[in-house]
Amino acid sequence: MNELNELRDQAYENSLIYKEKTKRIHDSKIKNRVFNVGDRVLLFNSRLKIFSGKLKTRWTGPFTVTQVFPYGTVELSRTDRPNFKVNGHRLKHYFGGDIPPMVVPDLQTFPMDN
């Protein structure tokens, strides 16, 4: 019985060590992004999984940050839509330039030269 108790205690300690290591690895992969009011950002659209294609972009925007809440919540605005709140992990900074369209237009075919 004593050996079983010792084995159980060792297994419990090993599981705690494993959980701490996996948490440390997970937390190291989270990017700490800081957003300020007035920043322009792109929003990751995670709902494109059903009809996703190779040429579709999963980022929409740009949006403007209107308010930053604690714990990573950010309020976004656009001129033609009402404000809404999102998790800051779904955002990345927008530095300008053109955003590719949601769908790439059909390619034109040209006749072969003989």
C-alpha atoms as a PDB file:
ATOM      1  CA  MET A   1       0.000   0.000   0.000  1.00  0.00           C
ATOM      2  CA  ASN A   2       2.857   2.370   0.807  1.00  0.00           C
ATOM      3  CA  GLU A   3       4.355   1.822  -2.656  1.00  0.00           C
ATOM      4  CA  LEU A   4       1.029   2.657  -4.289  1.00  0.00           C
ATOM      5  CA  ASN A   5       0.784   5.865  -2.284  1.00  0.00           C
ATOM      6  CA  GLU A   6       4.327   6.820  -3.279  1.00  0.00           C
ATOM      7  CA  LEU A   7       3.636   6.094  -6.943  1.00  0.00           C
ATOM      8  CA  ARG A   8       0.466   8.186  -6.793  1.00  0.00           C
ATOM      9  CA  ASP A   9       2.355  11.097  -5.190  1.00  0.00           C
ATOM     10  CA  GLN A  10       5.073  10.909  -7.840  1.00  0.00           C
ATOM     11  CA  ALA A  11       2.506  10.855 -10.624  1.00  0.00           C
ATOM     12  CA  TYR A  12       0.785  13.893  -9.104  1.00  0.00           C
ATOM     13  CA  GLU A  13       4.075  15.820  -8.895  1.00  0.00           C
ATOM     14  CA  ASN A  14       4.991  14.850 -12.460  1.00  0.00           C
ATOM     15  CA  SER A  15       1.618  16.034 -13.738  1.00  0.00           C
ATOM     16  CA  LEU A  16       2.110  19.407 -11.996  1.00  0.00           C
ATOM     17  CA  ILE A  17       5.538  19.799 -13.579  1.00  0.00           C
ATOM     18  CA  TYR A  18       4.101  18.907 -17.003  1.00  0.00           C
ATOM     19  CA  LYS A  19       1.267  21.427 -16.630  1.00  0.00           C
ATOM     20  CA  GLU A  20       3.684  24.201 -15.639  1.00  0.00           C
ATOM     21  CA  LYS A  21       5.937  23.510 -18.638  1.00  0.00           C
ATOM     22  CA  THR A  22       3.054  23.438 -21.131  1.00  0.00           C
ATOM     23  CA  LYS A  23       1.630  26.673 -19.682  1.00  0.00           C
ATOM     24  CA  ARG A  24       5.024  28.352 -19.989  1.00  0.00           C
ATOM     25  CA  ILE A  25       5.335  27.242 -23.635  1.00  0.00           C
ATOM     26  CA  HIS A  26       1.787  28.384 -24.434  1.00  0.00           C
ATOM     27  CA  ASP A  27       2.271  31.778 -22.795  1.00  0.00           C
ATOM     28  CA  SER A  28       5.557  32.341 -24.629  1.00  0.00           C
ATOM     29  CA  LYS A  29       3.774  32.034 -27.994  1.00  0.00           C
ATOM     30  CA  ILE A  30       1.163  34.719 -27.197  1.00  0.00           C
ATOM     31  CA  LYS A  31       2.164  38.037 -28.733  1.00  0.00           C
ATOM     32  CA  ASN A  32       1.726  41.003 -26.453  1.00  0.00           C
ATOM     33  CA  ARG A  33       0.293  43.725 -28.680  1.00  0.00           C
ATOM     34  CA  VAL A  34      -0.372  47.198 -27.333  1.00  0.00           C
ATOM     35  CA  PHE A  35      -3.102  49.224 -29.025  1.00  0.00           C
ATOM     36  CA  ASN A  36      -3.776  52.915 -28.447  1.00  0.00           C
ATOM     37  CA  VAL A  37      -6.793  55.059 -29.289  1.00  0.00           C
ATOM     38  CA  GLY A  38      -6.572  56.175 -32.907  1.00  0.00           C
ATOM     39  CA  ASP A  39      -4.475  53.235 -34.116  1.00  0.00           C
ATOM     40  CA  ARG A  40      -5.512  51.594 -37.370  1.00  0.00           C
ATOM     41  CA  VAL A  41      -5.831  47.819 -37.150  1.00  0.00           C
ATOM     42  CA  LEU A  42      -6.867  44.765 -39.171  1.00  0.00           C
ATOM     43  CA  LEU A  43      -9.316  42.197 -37.766  1.00  0.00           C
ATOM     44  CA  PHE A  44      -8.793  38.451 -38.213  1.00  0.00           C
ATOM     45  CA  ASN A  45     -11.949  36.807 -39.565  1.00  0.00           C
ATOM     46  CA  SER A  46     -12.097  33.294 -38.119  1.00  0.00           C
ATOM     47  CA  ARG A  47     -15.464  32.475 -39.735  1.00  0.00           C
ATOM     48  CA  LEU A  48     -14.075  31.877 -43.222  1.00  0.00           C
ATOM     49  CA  LYS A  49     -13.325  28.217 -42.508  1.00  0.00           C
ATOM     50  CA  ILE A  50     -16.359  26.846 -44.335  1.00  0.00           C
ATOM     51  CA  PHE A  51     -15.703  28.450 -47.726  1.00  0.00           C
ATOM     52  CA  SER A  52     -12.062  29.322 -47.289  1.00  0.00           C
ATOM     53  CA  GLY A  53      -9.920  29.287 -50.382  1.00  0.00           C
ATOM     54  CA  LYS A  54      -6.233  29.720 -50.912  1.00  0.00           C
ATOM     55  CA  LEU A  55      -6.620  33.164 -52.432  1.00  0.00           C
ATOM     56  CA  LYS A  56      -8.968  34.688 -49.861  1.00  0.00           C
ATOM     57  CA  THR A  57      -7.604  36.917 -47.167  1.00  0.00           C
ATOM     58  CA  ARG A  58      -8.700  36.349 -43.594  1.00  0.00           C
ATOM     59  CA  TRP A  59      -7.983  39.923 -42.490  1.00  0.00           C
ATOM     60  CA  THR A  60     -10.640  42.640 -42.771  1.00  0.00           C
ATOM     61  CA  GLY A  61     -10.355  46.324 -42.198  1.00  0.00           C
ATOM     62  CA  PRO A  62      -8.781  48.711 -41.611  1.00  0.00           C
ATOM     63  CA  PHE A  63     -10.601  49.740 -38.453  1.00  0.00           C
ATOM     64  CA  THR A  64      -9.861  52.557 -36.012  1.00  0.00           C
ATOM     65  CA  VAL A  65      -9.412  51.895 -32.290  1.00  0.00           C
ATOM     66  CA  THR A  66     -11.840  54.096 -30.346  1.00  0.00           C
ATOM     67  CA  GLN A  67     -11.404  52.680 -26.849  1.00  0.00           C
ATOM     68  CA  VAL A  68      -9.106  50.214 -25.098  1.00  0.00           C
ATOM     69  CA  PHE A  69     -10.501  48.235 -22.159  1.00  0.00           C
ATOM     70  CA  PRO A  70      -8.599  46.216 -19.564  1.00  0.00           C
ATOM     71  CA  TYR A  71      -7.698  42.569 -20.242  1.00  0.00           C
ATOM     72  CA  GLY A  72      -7.179  43.093 -23.974  1.00  0.00           C
ATOM     73  CA  THR A  73     -10.656  44.112 -25.127  1.00  0.00           C
ATOM     74  CA  VAL A  74     -10.660  46.771 -27.857  1.00  0.00           C
ATOM     75  CA  GLU A  75     -13.534  48.798 -29.318  1.00  0.00           C
ATOM     76  CA  LEU A  76     -13.309  49.326 -33.080  1.00  0.00           C
ATOM     77  CA  SER A  77     -15.093  51.747 -35.372  1.00  0.00           C
ATOM     78  CA  ARG A  78     -15.618  52.199 -39.081  1.00  0.00           C
ATOM     79  CA  THR A  79     -17.300  55.100 -40.821  1.00  0.00           C
ATOM     80  CA  ASP A  80     -20.148  53.038 -42.295  1.00  0.00           C
ATOM     81  CA  ARG A  81     -20.814  50.693 -39.331  1.00  0.00           C
ATOM     82  CA  PRO A  82     -21.503  51.004 -35.592  1.00  0.00           C
ATOM     83  CA  ASN A  83     -18.732  50.438 -33.048  1.00  0.00           C
ATOM     84  CA  PHE A  84     -18.108  46.928 -31.734  1.00  0.00           C
ATOM     85  CA  LYS A  85     -15.813  45.220 -29.237  1.00  0.00           C
ATOM     86  CA  VAL A  86     -13.323  42.439 -30.020  1.00  0.00           C
ATOM     87  CA  ASN A  87     -10.545  40.558 -28.314  1.00  0.00           C
ATOM     88  CA  GLY A  88      -7.148  42.161 -28.902  1.00  0.00           C
ATOM     89  CA  HIS A  89      -5.640  38.806 -29.907  1.00  0.00           C
ATOM     90  CA  ARG A  90      -7.655  38.968 -33.149  1.00  0.00           C
ATOM     91  CA  LEU A  91      -6.052  42.275 -34.203  1.00  0.00           C
ATOM     92  CA  LYS A  92      -2.814  43.372 -35.799  1.00  0.00           C
ATOM     93  CA  HIS A  93      -1.537  46.842 -36.590  1.00  0.00           C
ATOM     94  CA  TYR A  94      -2.278  48.305 -40.017  1.00  0.00           C
ATOM     95  CA  PHE A  95       0.551  50.364 -41.497  1.00  0.00           C
ATOM     96  CA  GLY A  96      -1.099  51.500 -44.721  1.00  0.00           C
ATOM     97  CA  GLY A  97      -1.148  50.321 -48.273  1.00  0.00           C
ATOM     98  CA  ASP A  98      -3.762  48.397 -50.154  1.00  0.00           C
ATOM     99  CA  ILE A  99      -5.448  45.348 -48.675  1.00  0.00           C
ATOM    100  CA  PRO A 100      -5.948  42.556 -51.175  1.00  0.00           C
ATOM    101  CA  PRO A 101      -9.596  42.018 -52.158  1.00  0.00           C
ATOM    102  CA  MET A 102     -11.584  39.202 -50.572  1.00  0.00           C
ATOM    103  CA  VAL A 103     -11.668  37.230 -53.840  1.00  0.00           C
ATOM    104  CA  VAL A 104      -9.072  37.337 -56.590  1.00  0.00           C
ATOM    105  CA  PRO A 105     -10.715  38.148 -59.954  1.00  0.00           C
ATOM    106  CA  ASP A 106     -10.744  35.526 -62.677  1.00  0.00           C
ATOM    107  CA  LEU A 107      -7.543  35.333 -64.664  1.00  0.00           C
ATOM    108  CA  GLN A 108      -7.689  36.201 -68.330  1.00  0.00           C
ATOM    109  CA  THR A 109      -6.532  33.641 -70.838  1.00  0.00           C
ATOM    110  CA  PHE A 110      -4.535  34.684 -73.855  1.00  0.00           C
ATOM    111  CA  PRO A 111      -4.247  32.775 -77.151  1.00  0.00           C
ATOM    112  CA  MET A 112      -1.029  30.904 -77.717  1.00  0.00           C
ATOM    113  CA  ASP A 113       1.444  32.460 -80.149  1.00  0.00           C
ATOM    114  CA  ASN A 114       2.190  30.216 -83.142  1.00  0.00           C
END
